[in-house]
C-alpha atoms as a PDB file:
ATOM      1  CA  MET A   1       5.512  11.104  -4.946  1.00  0.00           C
ATOM      2  CA  ARG A   2       3.654  13.590  -2.725  1.00  0.00           C
ATOM      3  CA  THR A   3       1.103  14.231  -5.501  1.00  0.00           C
ATOM      4  CA  THR A   4       0.561  10.496  -5.915  1.00  0.00           C
ATOM      5  CA  LEU A   5      -0.007  10.058  -2.187  1.00  0.00           C
ATOM      6  CA  THR A   6      -2.359  13.016  -2.103  1.00  0.00           C
ATOM      7  CA  CYS A   7      -4.426  11.687  -4.986  1.00  0.00           C
ATOM      8  CA  ALA A   8      -4.419   8.251  -3.378  1.00  0.00           C
ATOM      9  CA  ALA A   9      -5.757   9.777  -0.167  1.00  0.00           C
ATOM     10  CA  LEU A  10      -8.519  11.548  -2.058  1.00  0.00           C
ATOM     11  CA  LEU A  11      -9.464   8.366  -3.905  1.00  0.00           C
ATOM     12  CA  LEU A  12      -9.413   6.435  -0.649  1.00  0.00           C
ATOM     13  CA  ALA A  13     -11.862   8.927   0.815  1.00  0.00           C
ATOM     14  CA  LEU A  14     -14.103   8.404  -2.185  1.00  0.00           C
ATOM     15  CA  GLY A  15     -13.924   4.667  -1.716  1.00  0.00           C
ATOM     16  CA  SER A  16     -15.168   4.960   1.838  1.00  0.00           C
ATOM     17  CA  GLY A  17     -18.585   6.101   0.612  1.00  0.00           C
ATOM     18  CA  PRO A  18     -21.292   3.895  -0.784  1.00  0.00           C
ATOM     19  CA  ALA A  19     -20.576   2.525  -4.265  1.00  0.00           C
ATOM     20  CA  LEU A  20     -17.765   4.976  -5.021  1.00  0.00           C
ATOM     21  CA  ALA A  21     -19.902   8.089  -5.185  1.00  0.00           C
ATOM     22  CA  GLN A  22     -19.115  10.288  -8.169  1.00  0.00           C
ATOM     23  CA  SER A  23     -20.433  13.455  -6.575  1.00  0.00           C
ATOM     24  CA  GLY A  24     -20.282  15.042  -3.167  1.00  0.00           C
ATOM     25  CA  GLU A  25     -17.828  16.878  -0.981  1.00  0.00           C
ATOM     26  CA  ILE A  26     -14.498  16.032   0.632  1.00  0.00           C
ATOM     27  CA  THR A  27     -13.199  18.169   3.483  1.00  0.00           C
ATOM     28  CA  ILE A  28      -9.534  17.999   4.465  1.00  0.00           C
ATOM     29  CA  TRP A  29      -7.892  19.511   7.534  1.00  0.00           C
ATOM     30  CA  SER A  30      -4.228  20.156   6.996  1.00  0.00           C
ATOM     31  CA  TRP A  31      -1.329  22.374   7.954  1.00  0.00           C
ATOM     32  CA  ASN A  32       1.107  24.722   6.221  1.00  0.00           C
ATOM     33  CA  ILE A  33       3.192  22.839   3.644  1.00  0.00           C
ATOM     34  CA  ALA A  34       0.892  19.813   3.455  1.00  0.00           C
ATOM     35  CA  ALA A  35      -2.124  22.060   2.844  1.00  0.00           C
ATOM     36  CA  SER A  36      -0.302  23.855   0.032  1.00  0.00           C
ATOM     37  CA  SER A  37       0.559  20.527  -1.600  1.00  0.00           C
ATOM     38  CA  LEU A  38      -3.014  19.314  -1.308  1.00  0.00           C
ATOM     39  CA  LYS A  39      -4.432  22.534  -2.713  1.00  0.00           C
ATOM     40  CA  SER A  40      -2.137  22.230  -5.725  1.00  0.00           C
ATOM     41  CA  THR A  41      -3.626  18.816  -6.588  1.00  0.00           C
ATOM     42  CA  VAL A  42      -7.308  19.765  -6.329  1.00  0.00           C
ATOM     43  CA  GLU A  43      -7.498  21.136  -9.884  1.00  0.00           C
ATOM     44  CA  GLY A  44      -6.171  17.878 -11.351  1.00  0.00           C
ATOM     45  CA  PHE A  45      -8.491  15.843  -9.150  1.00  0.00           C
ATOM     46  CA  ASN A  46     -11.482  17.921 -10.263  1.00  0.00           C
ATOM     47  CA  LYS A  47     -10.652  17.302 -13.921  1.00  0.00           C
ATOM     48  CA  LYS A  48     -11.270  13.611 -13.279  1.00  0.00           C
ATOM     49  CA  TYR A  49     -14.080  14.114 -10.738  1.00  0.00           C
ATOM     50  CA  PRO A  50     -15.769  17.424 -11.619  1.00  0.00           C
ATOM     51  CA  ASP A  51     -18.792  16.824  -9.381  1.00  0.00           C
ATOM     52  CA  ILE A  52     -16.781  16.366  -6.210  1.00  0.00           C
ATOM     53  CA  LYS A  53     -16.001  19.522  -4.261  1.00  0.00           C
ATOM     54  CA  VAL A  54     -12.715  19.320  -2.352  1.00  0.00           C
ATOM     55  CA  THR A  55     -12.129  21.810   0.450  1.00  0.00           C
ATOM     56  CA  VAL A  56      -8.660  21.976   1.996  1.00  0.00           C
ATOM     57  CA  GLN A  57      -8.638  23.897   5.266  1.00  0.00           C
ATOM     58  CA  ASP A  58      -5.204  25.067   6.426  1.00  0.00           C
ATOM     59  CA  LEU A  59      -5.677  25.121  10.198  1.00  0.00           C
ATOM     60  CA  GLY A  60      -1.985  25.205  11.077  1.00  0.00           C
ATOM     61  CA  ASN A  61      -0.028  22.366  12.648  1.00  0.00           C
ATOM     62  CA  GLN A  62      -1.081  22.443  16.300  1.00  0.00           C
ATOM     63  CA  PRO A  63      -4.754  23.337  15.706  1.00  0.00           C
ATOM     64  CA  THR A  64      -5.076  20.464  13.202  1.00  0.00           C
ATOM     65  CA  TYR A  65      -3.660  18.086  15.788  1.00  0.00           C
ATOM     66  CA  ASP A  66      -5.772  19.473  18.655  1.00  0.00           C
ATOM     67  CA  LYS A  67      -9.053  19.468  16.720  1.00  0.00           C
ATOM     68  CA  SER A  68      -8.501  15.989  15.309  1.00  0.00           C
ATOM     69  CA  ILE A  69      -7.591  14.527  18.728  1.00  0.00           C
ATOM     70  CA  ALA A  70     -10.748  16.102  20.178  1.00  0.00           C
ATOM     71  CA  GLY A  71     -12.815  14.661  17.322  1.00  0.00           C
ATOM     72  CA  CYS A  72     -11.335  11.185  17.778  1.00  0.00           C
ATOM     73  CA  ALA A  73     -11.969  11.349  21.518  1.00  0.00           C
ATOM     74  CA  ALA A  74     -15.590  12.304  20.749  1.00  0.00           C
ATOM     75  CA  GLY A  75     -16.051   9.206  18.612  1.00  0.00           C
ATOM     76  CA  GLY A  76     -15.502  10.965  15.298  1.00  0.00           C
ATOM     77  CA  VAL A  77     -17.925  13.828  15.878  1.00  0.00           C
ATOM     78  CA  GLY A  78     -16.951  16.946  13.941  1.00  0.00           C
ATOM     79  CA  LEU A  79     -14.092  15.365  12.008  1.00  0.00           C
ATOM     80  CA  PRO A  80     -13.518  16.038   8.309  1.00  0.00           C
ATOM     81  CA  ASP A  81     -13.157  13.287   5.715  1.00  0.00           C
ATOM     82  CA  ILE A  82      -9.341  13.488   5.756  1.00  0.00           C
ATOM     83  CA  VAL A  83      -6.824  14.840   8.284  1.00  0.00           C
ATOM     84  CA  THR A  84      -3.142  15.235   7.478  1.00  0.00           C
ATOM     85  CA  ILE A  85      -0.624  15.177  10.302  1.00  0.00           C
ATOM     86  CA  GLU A  86       3.131  15.132  10.620  1.00  0.00           C
ATOM     87  CA  ASN A  87       4.777  11.737  10.934  1.00  0.00           C
ATOM     88  CA  GLY A  88       5.821  12.426  14.516  1.00  0.00           C
ATOM     89  CA  GLU A  89       2.216  13.076  15.550  1.00  0.00           C
ATOM     90  CA  ALA A  90       0.903   9.849  13.995  1.00  0.00           C
ATOM     91  CA  GLU A  91       2.388   7.807  16.826  1.00  0.00           C
ATOM     92  CA  ASN A  92       0.275   9.786  19.305  1.00  0.00           C
ATOM     93  CA  TYR A  93      -2.879   8.881  17.387  1.00  0.00           C
ATOM     94  CA  TRP A  94      -1.989   5.194  17.260  1.00  0.00           C
ATOM     95  CA  SER A  95      -1.255   5.020  20.970  1.00  0.00           C
ATOM     96  CA  GLN A  96      -4.473   6.831  21.929  1.00  0.00           C
ATOM     97  CA  PHE A  97      -6.972   5.460  19.430  1.00  0.00           C
ATOM     98  CA  SER A  98      -5.902   2.015  18.245  1.00  0.00           C
END
């Protein structure tokens, strides 16, 4: 299930670009366990999309949250393509940025 969700997130990021770009880069900020799970799916993703470079940055839990909140507050400046957060932190995002 986690692999399916991870691949879905990567495909969703691809879909956000013009005409489903088949090349480019995807940067992901993540933390600990989530980053490990994401990193384990990159090889399979690259078999299907060899011209897309995926970079998973394990920033740790609190730094991921802090940097992404700062980026949201700055109107998206400096944010990666994908940010993973713990379920409990998602509510903070919704209340501040929805």
